[in-house]
Amino acid sequence: MSDLVTAITSTSPRDLITEVPVCSDYADVTTVRAQQPEAIAAAWARRRRRDTARGDERLMIVAADHAARGALSVGANVTAMNSRTDLLDRLRTALANPGVDGVLATSDILEDLLLLGALEDKVVFSSMNRGGLAGASFELDDRMTAATASSTVAAGLNGAKMLCRIDLDDPGTLNMLTACSRAVDELAAGGVIAMLEPFLSRRVEGKVCNDLTADAVIKSMHIIQGLGSTSAYTWLKLPVVDEMERVMDATTLPTLLLGGDPQTAPEETYASWERALTIPSVRGLIVGRTLLYPSDNDVAAAVGTAVDLVS
C-alpha cells in the first residue's frame, strides 16, 4: 500500500484537511477514489488557492471539458482524447509552466489533477452544462449535467463555465438559456465568475455548426450577456474571428479567447491570437485542444508559445 493510502486511512476526516499528501501516480488516484473518496473534499479544502486576476491581470487557462460531451476528436483524429491518462499527462505538462494560470475542466478531471497536486495556486473553473452531447438529436438542449454553482463555490473554485449555443430553430435553446440564467445568479450569489461561451448555431445536414461571422458572434454576445439578474460576475469566452475589434466593441465584460479544434496552421492561429490580445477588454486565452494536442505533439512548446503571447 502506498504512503498516500496509509496516511489517509490512519487519520480522521477532519485531519485529512491538512494531512492528505499528493498522489504520486494514477494508480494512487484510483486507490484514493476506491478507499477514501472523502479525501477529495478534504483536498479541495486544503488546496492553496489564488485570486483570478493578479500581477498583470492577464490569464492563460487550459481547457479540458470536451470529453464529457462525447467530443473526443482533434482534427481528423476521432479518438484523440480517448485516453484519460494521456490527457492528464498533457494537462500536467501545461500546468507545470509557471505562465499557465489555471485550468477549466469537468469535476472528474479536476479531481484527478487535484489529487496529483497539479492545482496548487492555480485558477480553477468548473464546467457546468455538458448535456448537449456531440451529434445527439438533443445537442442544443444543453442541460446542466456536470458541476453545479453550489459545488463550484464549496470547492473554492474561481468560477464555472457554460456553453451557450443559440439556434433559433431549436426549442432546446430556451432550456439552455433558462438554466444558464439561473446559474449566473447562483454563481454571483457565491461571489464567483460565470463564464459564458456564446455562439449562434444551426444544423447543416444534421450537424450543429457555429456561425463565426463577426455579426453572428456580436448577436450571440448581446443575448448571452443579458442573462441573469446581475452581470457583476459574468465573463465571456469568445472565438477569435475576423473584425475582432468590432466584435469586442459589443461588450464591456472581461473576455478570454478560446482556441477551438485546430484546423489551421499553428503559425496562423498564433498570429490571430496575438492580434486579438491587443484589444483592452481581452484578458487572455482559454485554450484546449490547440495546445494540448498540437500537430507536432510538443505540448510544452505549444503552451510556451501561448504563454509568451499572453505575457
C-alpha atoms as a PDB file:
ATOM      1  CA  MET A   1       0.000   0.000   0.000  1.00  0.00           C
ATOM      2  CA  SER A   2       1.337   3.438  -0.918  1.00  0.00           C
ATOM      3  CA  ASP A   3       2.291   6.111   1.623  1.00  0.00           C
ATOM      4  CA  LEU A   4      -0.691   8.086   0.386  1.00  0.00           C
ATOM      5  CA  VAL A   5      -3.245   5.439   1.272  1.00  0.00           C
ATOM      6  CA  THR A   6      -1.514   4.630   4.576  1.00  0.00           C
ATOM      7  CA  ALA A   7      -1.745   8.289   5.551  1.00  0.00           C
ATOM      8  CA  ILE A   8      -5.384   8.783   4.681  1.00  0.00           C
ATOM      9  CA  THR A   9      -6.589   5.571   6.303  1.00  0.00           C
ATOM     10  CA  SER A  10      -4.852   6.353   9.603  1.00  0.00           C
ATOM     11  CA  THR A  11      -6.412   9.765  10.144  1.00  0.00           C
ATOM     12  CA  SER A  12      -9.858  11.140  10.781  1.00  0.00           C
ATOM     13  CA  PRO A  13     -11.754  13.065   8.057  1.00  0.00           C
ATOM     14  CA  ARG A  14     -11.028  16.322   9.899  1.00  0.00           C
ATOM     15  CA  ASP A  15      -7.291  15.543   9.953  1.00  0.00           C
ATOM     16  CA  LEU A  16      -7.391  14.917   6.190  1.00  0.00           C
ATOM     17  CA  ILE A  17      -7.759  18.651   5.566  1.00  0.00           C
ATOM     18  CA  THR A  18      -4.118  19.202   6.464  1.00  0.00           C
ATOM     19  CA  GLU A  19      -2.629  15.737   6.069  1.00  0.00           C
ATOM     20  CA  VAL A  20      -3.689  14.449   2.648  1.00  0.00           C
ATOM     21  CA  PRO A  21      -0.456  14.052   0.663  1.00  0.00           C
ATOM     22  CA  VAL A  22      -0.182  14.235  -3.106  1.00  0.00           C
ATOM     23  CA  CYS A  23      -0.763  11.133  -5.236  1.00  0.00           C
ATOM     24  CA  SER A  24       2.419  10.054  -6.977  1.00  0.00           C
ATOM     25  CA  ASP A  25       0.775   8.260  -9.916  1.00  0.00           C
ATOM     26  CA  TYR A  26      -2.554   7.337 -11.478  1.00  0.00           C
ATOM     27  CA  ALA A  27      -2.777   4.074  -9.553  1.00  0.00           C
ATOM     28  CA  ASP A  28      -2.730   6.114  -6.342  1.00  0.00           C
ATOM     29  CA  VAL A  29      -5.566   8.265  -7.667  1.00  0.00           C
ATOM     30  CA  THR A  30      -7.712   5.203  -8.279  1.00  0.00           C
ATOM     31  CA  THR A  31      -6.863   3.804  -4.849  1.00  0.00           C
ATOM     32  CA  VAL A  32      -7.932   7.019  -3.140  1.00  0.00           C
ATOM     33  CA  ARG A  33     -11.169   7.091  -5.118  1.00  0.00           C
ATOM     34  CA  ALA A  34     -11.925   3.495  -4.145  1.00  0.00           C
ATOM     35  CA  GLN A  35     -10.857   3.531  -0.487  1.00  0.00           C
ATOM     36  CA  GLN A  36     -11.192   7.123   0.733  1.00  0.00           C
ATOM     37  CA  PRO A  37     -13.426   9.217  -1.553  1.00  0.00           C
ATOM     38  CA  GLU A  38     -13.916  11.821   1.190  1.00  0.00           C
ATOM     39  CA  ALA A  39     -10.255  12.717   0.715  1.00  0.00           C
ATOM     40  CA  ILE A  40     -11.262  14.651  -2.398  1.00  0.00           C
ATOM     41  CA  ALA A  41     -13.320  17.163  -0.434  1.00  0.00           C
ATOM     42  CA  ALA A  42     -10.505  17.390   2.108  1.00  0.00           C
ATOM     43  CA  ALA A  43      -8.013  18.050  -0.683  1.00  0.00           C
ATOM     44  CA  TRP A  44     -10.163  20.915  -2.012  1.00  0.00           C
ATOM     45  CA  ALA A  45     -10.300  22.359   1.496  1.00  0.00           C
ATOM     46  CA  ARG A  46      -6.547  22.376   1.953  1.00  0.00           C
ATOM     47  CA  ARG A  47      -5.643  23.409  -1.617  1.00  0.00           C
ATOM     48  CA  ARG A  48      -3.671  26.643  -1.921  1.00  0.00           C
ATOM     49  CA  ARG A  49      -5.986  28.951  -3.874  1.00  0.00           C
ATOM     50  CA  ARG A  50      -5.377  32.165  -5.762  1.00  0.00           C
ATOM     51  CA  ASP A  51      -7.320  35.158  -6.983  1.00  0.00           C
ATOM     52  CA  THR A  52      -8.406  35.077 -10.607  1.00  0.00           C
ATOM     53  CA  ALA A  53      -6.563  38.257 -11.566  1.00  0.00           C
ATOM     54  CA  ARG A  54      -3.177  39.174 -10.177  1.00  0.00           C
ATOM     55  CA  GLY A  55       0.047  40.667 -11.447  1.00  0.00           C
ATOM     56  CA  ASP A  56      -0.589  41.894 -14.998  1.00  0.00           C
ATOM     57  CA  GLU A  57      -4.178  40.589 -14.686  1.00  0.00           C
ATOM     58  CA  ARG A  58      -3.778  38.592 -17.906  1.00  0.00           C
ATOM     59  CA  LEU A  59      -4.765  34.935 -17.868  1.00  0.00           C
ATOM     60  CA  MET A  60      -3.560  31.814 -19.648  1.00  0.00           C
ATOM     61  CA  ILE A  61      -6.012  28.974 -18.959  1.00  0.00           C
ATOM     62  CA  VAL A  62      -6.009  25.454 -20.434  1.00  0.00           C
ATOM     63  CA  ALA A  63      -9.391  23.861 -21.150  1.00  0.00           C
ATOM     64  CA  ALA A  64     -10.311  20.181 -20.970  1.00  0.00           C
ATOM     65  CA  ASP A  65     -14.065  19.750 -20.681  1.00  0.00           C
ATOM     66  CA  HIS A  66     -14.708  18.412 -24.187  1.00  0.00           C
ATOM     67  CA  ALA A  67     -14.784  14.706 -23.354  1.00  0.00           C
ATOM     68  CA  ALA A  68     -17.853  14.952 -21.108  1.00  0.00           C
ATOM     69  CA  ARG A  69     -19.917  15.949 -24.179  1.00  0.00           C
ATOM     70  CA  GLY A  70     -18.561  12.966 -26.094  1.00  0.00           C
ATOM     71  CA  ALA A  71     -16.349  15.285 -28.171  1.00  0.00           C
ATOM     72  CA  LEU A  72     -13.181  13.200 -28.274  1.00  0.00           C
ATOM     73  CA  SER A  73     -11.806  14.222 -31.654  1.00  0.00           C
ATOM     74  CA  VAL A  74      -8.975  16.593 -32.501  1.00  0.00           C
ATOM     75  CA  GLY A  75      -8.912  17.474 -36.163  1.00  0.00           C
ATOM     76  CA  ALA A  76      -9.154  14.261 -38.191  1.00  0.00           C
ATOM     77  CA  ASN A  77      -8.269  12.033 -35.230  1.00  0.00           C
ATOM     78  CA  VAL A  78     -11.645  10.933 -33.864  1.00  0.00           C
ATOM     79  CA  THR A  79     -10.160   9.061 -30.881  1.00  0.00           C
ATOM     80  CA  ALA A  80      -7.534  11.624 -29.877  1.00  0.00           C
ATOM     81  CA  MET A  81      -8.911  12.132 -26.369  1.00  0.00           C
ATOM     82  CA  ASN A  82      -9.808   8.505 -25.615  1.00  0.00           C
ATOM     83  CA  SER A  83      -7.027   8.028 -23.064  1.00  0.00           C
ATOM     84  CA  ARG A  84      -7.635   9.760 -19.745  1.00  0.00           C
ATOM     85  CA  THR A  85      -4.071   9.263 -18.531  1.00  0.00           C
ATOM     86  CA  ASP A  86      -2.692  10.723 -21.768  1.00  0.00           C
ATOM     87  CA  LEU A  87      -4.945  13.765 -21.357  1.00  0.00           C
ATOM     88  CA  LEU A  88      -3.839  14.150 -17.745  1.00  0.00           C
ATOM     89  CA  ASP A  89      -0.184  13.913 -18.806  1.00  0.00           C
ATOM     90  CA  ARG A  90      -0.775  16.736 -21.286  1.00  0.00           C
ATOM     91  CA  LEU A  91      -2.616  18.856 -18.728  1.00  0.00           C
ATOM     92  CA  ARG A  92       0.118  18.359 -16.136  1.00  0.00           C
ATOM     93  CA  THR A  93       2.729  19.383 -18.694  1.00  0.00           C
ATOM     94  CA  ALA A  94       0.760  22.544 -19.416  1.00  0.00           C
ATOM     95  CA  LEU A  95       0.133  23.373 -15.761  1.00  0.00           C
ATOM     96  CA  ALA A  96       3.820  22.887 -14.941  1.00  0.00           C
ATOM     97  CA  ASN A  97       4.584  26.013 -16.981  1.00  0.00           C
ATOM     98  CA  PRO A  98       4.546  28.889 -14.448  1.00  0.00           C
ATOM     99  CA  GLY A  99       2.946  31.117 -17.065  1.00  0.00           C
ATOM    100  CA  VAL A 100      -0.173  28.946 -17.127  1.00  0.00           C
ATOM    101  CA  ASP A 101      -2.583  30.420 -14.603  1.00  0.00           C
ATOM    102  CA  GLY A 102      -5.019  27.540 -14.390  1.00  0.00           C
ATOM    103  CA  VAL A 103      -7.475  25.105 -15.913  1.00  0.00           C
ATOM    104  CA  LEU A 104     -11.102  24.647 -16.954  1.00  0.00           C
ATOM    105  CA  ALA A 105     -12.483  21.104 -16.790  1.00  0.00           C
ATOM    106  CA  THR A 106     -15.271  18.868 -15.570  1.00  0.00           C
ATOM    107  CA  SER A 107     -15.224  17.651 -11.982  1.00  0.00           C
ATOM    108  CA  ASP A 108     -13.749  14.231 -12.767  1.00  0.00           C
ATOM    109  CA  ILE A 109     -10.683  15.727 -14.433  1.00  0.00           C
ATOM    110  CA  LEU A 110     -10.309  18.474 -11.833  1.00  0.00           C
ATOM    111  CA  GLU A 111     -10.387  15.911  -9.036  1.00  0.00           C
ATOM    112  CA  ASP A 112      -7.686  13.817 -10.724  1.00  0.00           C
ATOM    113  CA  LEU A 113      -5.488  16.895 -11.088  1.00  0.00           C
ATOM    114  CA  LEU A 114      -6.261  17.902  -7.513  1.00  0.00           C
ATOM    115  CA  LEU A 115      -5.126  14.561  -6.094  1.00  0.00           C
ATOM    116  CA  LEU A 116      -1.980  14.747  -8.247  1.00  0.00           C
ATOM    117  CA  GLY A 117      -1.108  18.121  -6.745  1.00  0.00           C
ATOM    118  CA  ALA A 118      -1.388  19.991 -10.050  1.00  0.00           C
ATOM    119  CA  LEU A 119      -3.881  22.636  -8.902  1.00  0.00           C
ATOM    120  CA  GLU A 120      -1.931  24.343  -6.140  1.00  0.00           C
ATOM    121  CA  ASP A 121      -2.029  28.142  -6.511  1.00  0.00           C
ATOM    122  CA  LYS A 122      -3.936  27.820  -9.781  1.00  0.00           C
ATOM    123  CA  VAL A 123      -7.097  29.433 -11.134  1.00  0.00           C
ATOM    124  CA  VAL A 124      -9.735  26.705 -11.482  1.00  0.00           C
ATOM    125  CA  PHE A 125     -13.007  26.824 -13.428  1.00  0.00           C
ATOM    126  CA  SER A 126     -15.571  24.044 -13.398  1.00  0.00           C
ATOM    127  CA  SER A 127     -17.725  23.136 -16.407  1.00  0.00           C
ATOM    128  CA  MET A 128     -21.500  23.030 -15.922  1.00  0.00           C
ATOM    129  CA  ASN A 129     -23.658  22.156 -18.948  1.00  0.00           C
ATOM    130  CA  ARG A 130     -22.438  19.005 -20.687  1.00  0.00           C
ATOM    131  CA  GLY A 131     -25.838  17.526 -21.551  1.00  0.00           C
ATOM    132  CA  GLY A 132     -25.666  18.611 -25.193  1.00  0.00           C
ATOM    133  CA  LEU A 133     -23.824  15.523 -26.360  1.00  0.00           C
ATOM    134  CA  ALA A 134     -21.935  15.914 -29.626  1.00  0.00           C
ATOM    135  CA  GLY A 135     -24.012  14.587 -32.518  1.00  0.00           C
ATOM    136  CA  ALA A 136     -27.157  13.965 -30.435  1.00  0.00           C
ATOM    137  CA  SER A 137     -30.641  14.945 -31.600  1.00  0.00           C
ATOM    138  CA  PHE A 138     -30.874  16.928 -28.337  1.00  0.00           C
ATOM    139  CA  GLU A 139     -27.426  18.529 -28.670  1.00  0.00           C
ATOM    140  CA  LEU A 140     -28.715  22.082 -28.357  1.00  0.00           C
ATOM    141  CA  ASP A 141     -30.828  21.297 -25.299  1.00  0.00           C
ATOM    142  CA  ASP A 142     -27.608  21.683 -23.337  1.00  0.00           C
ATOM    143  CA  ARG A 143     -28.638  20.932 -19.772  1.00  0.00           C
ATOM    144  CA  MET A 144     -26.659  21.155 -16.556  1.00  0.00           C
ATOM    145  CA  THR A 145     -25.188  17.698 -16.040  1.00  0.00           C
ATOM    146  CA  ALA A 146     -21.738  18.462 -14.615  1.00  0.00           C
ATOM    147  CA  ALA A 147     -20.720  20.884 -11.853  1.00  0.00           C
ATOM    148  CA  THR A 148     -23.277  22.982 -10.007  1.00  0.00           C
ATOM    149  CA  ALA A 149     -22.935  26.518  -8.740  1.00  0.00           C
ATOM    150  CA  SER A 150     -23.014  25.273  -5.145  1.00  0.00           C
ATOM    151  CA  SER A 151     -20.289  22.656  -5.746  1.00  0.00           C
ATOM    152  CA  THR A 152     -18.145  25.270  -7.501  1.00  0.00           C
ATOM    153  CA  VAL A 153     -18.407  27.658  -4.570  1.00  0.00           C
ATOM    154  CA  ALA A 154     -17.947  24.924  -1.957  1.00  0.00           C
ATOM    155  CA  ALA A 155     -14.731  23.701  -3.580  1.00  0.00           C
ATOM    156  CA  GLY A 156     -13.286  27.219  -3.582  1.00  0.00           C
ATOM    157  CA  LEU A 157     -13.088  27.466  -7.367  1.00  0.00           C
ATOM    158  CA  ASN A 158     -12.783  30.752  -9.244  1.00  0.00           C
ATOM    159  CA  GLY A 159     -15.881  30.200 -11.331  1.00  0.00           C
ATOM    160  CA  ALA A 160     -17.807  27.998 -13.728  1.00  0.00           C
ATOM    161  CA  LYS A 161     -18.194  27.946 -17.478  1.00  0.00           C
ATOM    162  CA  MET A 162     -21.298  27.399 -19.607  1.00  0.00           C
ATOM    163  CA  LEU A 163     -21.535  26.692 -23.334  1.00  0.00           C
ATOM    164  CA  CYS A 164     -24.380  28.766 -24.791  1.00  0.00           C
ATOM    165  CA  ARG A 165     -25.252  27.734 -28.350  1.00  0.00           C
ATOM    166  CA  ILE A 166     -28.299  29.565 -29.715  1.00  0.00           C
ATOM    167  CA  ASP A 167     -30.310  28.035 -32.548  1.00  0.00           C
ATOM    168  CA  LEU A 168     -33.481  29.994 -33.275  1.00  0.00           C
ATOM    169  CA  ASP A 169     -34.997  26.879 -34.886  1.00  0.00           C
ATOM    170  CA  ASP A 170     -34.316  24.545 -31.941  1.00  0.00           C
ATOM    171  CA  PRO A 171     -36.598  24.731 -28.871  1.00  0.00           C
ATOM    172  CA  GLY A 172     -33.821  23.227 -26.761  1.00  0.00           C
ATOM    173  CA  THR A 173     -32.135  26.634 -26.839  1.00  0.00           C
ATOM    174  CA  LEU A 174     -34.740  28.011 -24.438  1.00  0.00           C
ATOM    175  CA  ASN A 175     -33.987  25.310 -21.849  1.00  0.00           C
ATOM    176  CA  MET A 176     -30.295  26.152 -22.107  1.00  0.00           C
ATOM    177  CA  LEU A 177     -30.912  29.886 -21.709  1.00  0.00           C
ATOM    178  CA  THR A 178     -33.161  29.355 -18.705  1.00  0.00           C
ATOM    179  CA  ALA A 179     -30.682  27.054 -16.972  1.00  0.00           C
ATOM    180  CA  CYS A 180     -27.740  29.358 -17.682  1.00  0.00           C
ATOM    181  CA  SER A 181     -29.642  32.403 -16.432  1.00  0.00           C
ATOM    182  CA  ARG A 182     -30.341  30.620 -13.161  1.00  0.00           C
ATOM    183  CA  ALA A 183     -26.701  29.546 -12.858  1.00  0.00           C
ATOM    184  CA  VAL A 184     -25.453  33.109 -13.467  1.00  0.00           C
ATOM    185  CA  ASP A 185     -27.457  34.264 -10.451  1.00  0.00           C
ATOM    186  CA  GLU A 186     -26.361  31.322  -8.277  1.00  0.00           C
ATOM    187  CA  LEU A 187     -22.688  31.845  -9.098  1.00  0.00           C
ATOM    188  CA  ALA A 188     -22.957  35.595  -8.490  1.00  0.00           C
ATOM    189  CA  ALA A 189     -24.563  34.909  -5.114  1.00  0.00           C
ATOM    190  CA  GLY A 190     -21.486  32.828  -4.280  1.00  0.00           C
ATOM    191  CA  GLY A 191     -19.128  35.572  -5.452  1.00  0.00           C
ATOM    192  CA  VAL A 192     -17.559  33.567  -8.285  1.00  0.00           C
ATOM    193  CA  ILE A 193     -17.313  34.037 -12.051  1.00  0.00           C
ATOM    194  CA  ALA A 194     -19.928  32.855 -14.540  1.00  0.00           C
ATOM    195  CA  MET A 195     -18.010  32.373 -17.787  1.00  0.00           C
ATOM    196  CA  LEU A 196     -20.365  32.228 -20.777  1.00  0.00           C
ATOM    197  CA  GLU A 197     -19.344  30.887 -24.199  1.00  0.00           C
ATOM    198  CA  PRO A 198     -21.946  32.044 -26.756  1.00  0.00           C
ATOM    199  CA  PHE A 199     -22.490  31.008 -30.382  1.00  0.00           C
ATOM    200  CA  LEU A 200     -25.222  31.411 -32.944  1.00  0.00           C
ATOM    201  CA  SER A 201     -25.634  27.857 -34.212  1.00  0.00           C
ATOM    202  CA  ARG A 202     -27.653  25.949 -36.791  1.00  0.00           C
ATOM    203  CA  ARG A 203     -27.873  22.431 -38.140  1.00  0.00           C
ATOM    204  CA  VAL A 204     -26.297  21.746 -41.525  1.00  0.00           C
ATOM    205  CA  GLU A 205     -27.130  18.269 -42.826  1.00  0.00           C
ATOM    206  CA  GLY A 206     -27.884  17.247 -39.262  1.00  0.00           C
ATOM    207  CA  LYS A 207     -24.648  18.574 -37.765  1.00  0.00           C
ATOM    208  CA  VAL A 208     -24.543  21.550 -35.407  1.00  0.00           C
ATOM    209  CA  CYS A 209     -22.358  24.309 -36.868  1.00  0.00           C
ATOM    210  CA  ASN A 210     -21.426  27.607 -35.247  1.00  0.00           C
ATOM    211  CA  ASP A 211     -21.666  30.830 -37.249  1.00  0.00           C
ATOM    212  CA  LEU A 212     -18.280  32.516 -36.843  1.00  0.00           C
ATOM    213  CA  THR A 213     -19.005  35.710 -38.742  1.00  0.00           C
ATOM    214  CA  ALA A 214     -18.455  38.881 -36.747  1.00  0.00           C
ATOM    215  CA  ASP A 215     -22.123  39.868 -36.789  1.00  0.00           C
ATOM    216  CA  ALA A 216     -23.224  36.430 -35.584  1.00  0.00           C
ATOM    217  CA  VAL A 217     -20.745  36.494 -32.704  1.00  0.00           C
ATOM    218  CA  ILE A 218     -21.882  40.010 -31.772  1.00  0.00           C
ATOM    219  CA  LYS A 219     -25.540  38.962 -31.746  1.00  0.00           C
ATOM    220  CA  SER A 220     -24.771  35.952 -29.548  1.00  0.00           C
ATOM    221  CA  MET A 221     -22.870  38.186 -27.125  1.00  0.00           C
ATOM    222  CA  HIS A 222     -25.772  40.590 -26.716  1.00  0.00           C
ATOM    223  CA  ILE A 223     -28.171  37.733 -25.980  1.00  0.00           C
ATOM    224  CA  ILE A 224     -25.904  35.975 -23.515  1.00  0.00           C
ATOM    225  CA  GLN A 225     -24.516  38.913 -21.543  1.00  0.00           C
ATOM    226  CA  GLY A 226     -28.089  39.842 -20.624  1.00  0.00           C
ATOM    227  CA  LEU A 227     -28.667  36.543 -18.781  1.00  0.00           C
ATOM    228  CA  GLY A 228     -29.405  36.700 -15.062  1.00  0.00           C
ATOM    229  CA  SER A 229     -30.351  39.485 -12.692  1.00  0.00           C
ATOM    230  CA  THR A 230     -26.737  40.710 -12.482  1.00  0.00           C
ATOM    231  CA  SER A 231     -23.706  40.616 -14.744  1.00  0.00           C
ATOM    232  CA  ALA A 232     -21.336  41.653 -11.953  1.00  0.00           C
ATOM    233  CA  TYR A 233     -19.545  38.291 -12.074  1.00  0.00           C
ATOM    234  CA  THR A 234     -20.085  37.471 -15.768  1.00  0.00           C
ATOM    235  CA  TRP A 235     -17.167  36.948 -18.152  1.00  0.00           C
ATOM    236  CA  LEU A 236     -17.228  35.914 -21.810  1.00  0.00           C
ATOM    237  CA  LYS A 237     -15.326  33.180 -23.632  1.00  0.00           C
ATOM    238  CA  LEU A 238     -15.220  34.012 -27.336  1.00  0.00           C
ATOM    239  CA  PRO A 239     -13.776  32.621 -30.565  1.00  0.00           C
ATOM    240  CA  VAL A 240     -11.198  34.613 -32.483  1.00  0.00           C
ATOM    241  CA  VAL A 241     -12.904  35.731 -35.693  1.00  0.00           C
ATOM    242  CA  ASP A 242     -12.425  38.411 -38.317  1.00  0.00           C
ATOM    243  CA  GLU A 243     -13.007  42.006 -37.170  1.00  0.00           C
ATOM    244  CA  MET A 244     -12.293  41.277 -33.506  1.00  0.00           C
ATOM    245  CA  GLU A 245     -12.096  44.992 -32.698  1.00  0.00           C
ATOM    246  CA  ARG A 246     -15.706  45.381 -33.847  1.00  0.00           C
ATOM    247  CA  VAL A 247     -16.697  42.213 -32.004  1.00  0.00           C
ATOM    248  CA  MET A 248     -15.188  43.385 -28.731  1.00  0.00           C
ATOM    249  CA  ASP A 249     -16.948  46.742 -29.056  1.00  0.00           C
ATOM    250  CA  ALA A 250     -20.134  44.770 -28.281  1.00  0.00           C
ATOM    251  CA  THR A 251     -19.233  44.228 -24.623  1.00  0.00           C
ATOM    252  CA  THR A 252     -17.624  45.686 -21.537  1.00  0.00           C
ATOM    253  CA  LEU A 253     -17.342  42.266 -19.894  1.00  0.00           C
ATOM    254  CA  PRO A 254     -13.900  40.721 -19.299  1.00  0.00           C
ATOM    255  CA  THR A 255     -13.243  38.253 -22.111  1.00  0.00           C
ATOM    256  CA  LEU A 256     -10.989  35.263 -22.688  1.00  0.00           C
ATOM    257  CA  LEU A 257     -10.321  33.928 -26.180  1.00  0.00           C
ATOM    258  CA  LEU A 258     -10.894  30.275 -26.992  1.00  0.00           C
ATOM    259  CA  GLY A 259      -8.800  28.168 -29.323  1.00  0.00           C
ATOM    260  CA  GLY A 260     -11.290  25.668 -30.722  1.00  0.00           C
ATOM    261  CA  ASP A 261     -10.496  22.497 -32.646  1.00  0.00           C
ATOM    262  CA  PRO A 262      -7.244  23.228 -34.525  1.00  0.00           C
ATOM    263  CA  GLN A 263      -7.971  23.480 -38.255  1.00  0.00           C
ATOM    264  CA  THR A 264      -5.360  25.969 -39.426  1.00  0.00           C
ATOM    265  CA  ALA A 265      -1.564  26.110 -39.375  1.00  0.00           C
ATOM    266  CA  PRO A 266      -0.212  26.851 -35.879  1.00  0.00           C
ATOM    267  CA  GLU A 267       1.562  29.995 -37.043  1.00  0.00           C
ATOM    268  CA  GLU A 268      -1.682  31.399 -38.434  1.00  0.00           C
ATOM    269  CA  THR A 269      -3.553  30.544 -35.230  1.00  0.00           C
ATOM    270  CA  TYR A 270      -0.932  32.150 -33.000  1.00  0.00           C
ATOM    271  CA  ALA A 271      -0.878  35.278 -35.163  1.00  0.00           C
ATOM    272  CA  SER A 272      -4.653  35.678 -34.854  1.00  0.00           C
ATOM    273  CA  TRP A 273      -4.420  35.310 -31.059  1.00  0.00           C
ATOM    274  CA  GLU A 274      -1.621  37.875 -30.879  1.00  0.00           C
ATOM    275  CA  ARG A 275      -3.659  40.447 -32.788  1.00  0.00           C
ATOM    276  CA  ALA A 276      -6.765  39.891 -30.656  1.00  0.00           C
ATOM    277  CA  LEU A 277      -4.817  40.069 -27.386  1.00  0.00           C
ATOM    278  CA  THR A 278      -4.009  43.732 -28.069  1.00  0.00           C
ATOM    279  CA  ILE A 279      -7.679  44.659 -27.513  1.00  0.00           C
ATOM    280  CA  PRO A 280      -8.013  46.078 -23.947  1.00  0.00           C
ATOM    281  CA  SER A 281     -11.109  44.087 -22.896  1.00  0.00           C
ATOM    282  CA  VAL A 282      -9.450  40.809 -23.893  1.00  0.00           C
ATOM    283  CA  ARG A 283      -7.970  39.436 -20.666  1.00  0.00           C
ATOM    284  CA  GLY A 284      -6.177  36.381 -22.037  1.00  0.00           C
ATOM    285  CA  LEU A 285      -6.584  32.920 -23.527  1.00  0.00           C
ATOM    286  CA  ILE A 286      -8.546  29.834 -22.520  1.00  0.00           C
ATOM    287  CA  VAL A 287      -7.401  27.147 -24.948  1.00  0.00           C
ATOM    288  CA  GLY A 288      -7.759  23.391 -25.023  1.00  0.00           C
ATOM    289  CA  ARG A 289      -7.084  21.088 -27.954  1.00  0.00           C
ATOM    290  CA  THR A 290      -4.896  23.517 -29.895  1.00  0.00           C
ATOM    291  CA  LEU A 291      -2.344  23.471 -27.070  1.00  0.00           C
ATOM    292  CA  LEU A 292      -2.935  20.018 -25.582  1.00  0.00           C
ATOM    293  CA  TYR A 293      -2.881  18.195 -28.944  1.00  0.00           C
ATOM    294  CA  PRO A 294      -0.644  20.267 -31.238  1.00  0.00           C
ATOM    295  CA  SER A 295       0.185  18.919 -34.686  1.00  0.00           C
ATOM    296  CA  ASP A 296       3.793  18.167 -33.685  1.00  0.00           C
ATOM    297  CA  ASN A 297       2.664  16.684 -30.330  1.00  0.00           C
ATOM    298  CA  ASP A 298       5.010  19.024 -28.427  1.00  0.00           C
ATOM    299  CA  VAL A 299       2.659  20.228 -25.697  1.00  0.00           C
ATOM    300  CA  ALA A 300       5.330  22.111 -23.772  1.00  0.00           C
ATOM    301  CA  ALA A 301       6.367  24.113 -26.835  1.00  0.00           C
ATOM    302  CA  ALA A 302       2.788  24.959 -27.831  1.00  0.00           C
ATOM    303  CA  VAL A 303       1.950  26.066 -24.297  1.00  0.00           C
ATOM    304  CA  GLY A 304       5.157  28.084 -24.113  1.00  0.00           C
ATOM    305  CA  THR A 305       4.220  29.949 -27.290  1.00  0.00           C
ATOM    306  CA  ALA A 306       0.765  30.799 -25.914  1.00  0.00           C
ATOM    307  CA  VAL A 307       2.233  31.931 -22.601  1.00  0.00           C
ATOM    308  CA  ASP A 308       4.602  34.257 -24.447  1.00  0.00           C
ATOM    309  CA  LEU A 309       1.669  35.778 -26.335  1.00  0.00           C
ATOM    310  CA  VAL A 310      -0.273  36.459 -23.142  1.00  0.00           C
ATOM    311  CA  SER A 311       2.699  37.776 -21.176  1.00  0.00           C
END
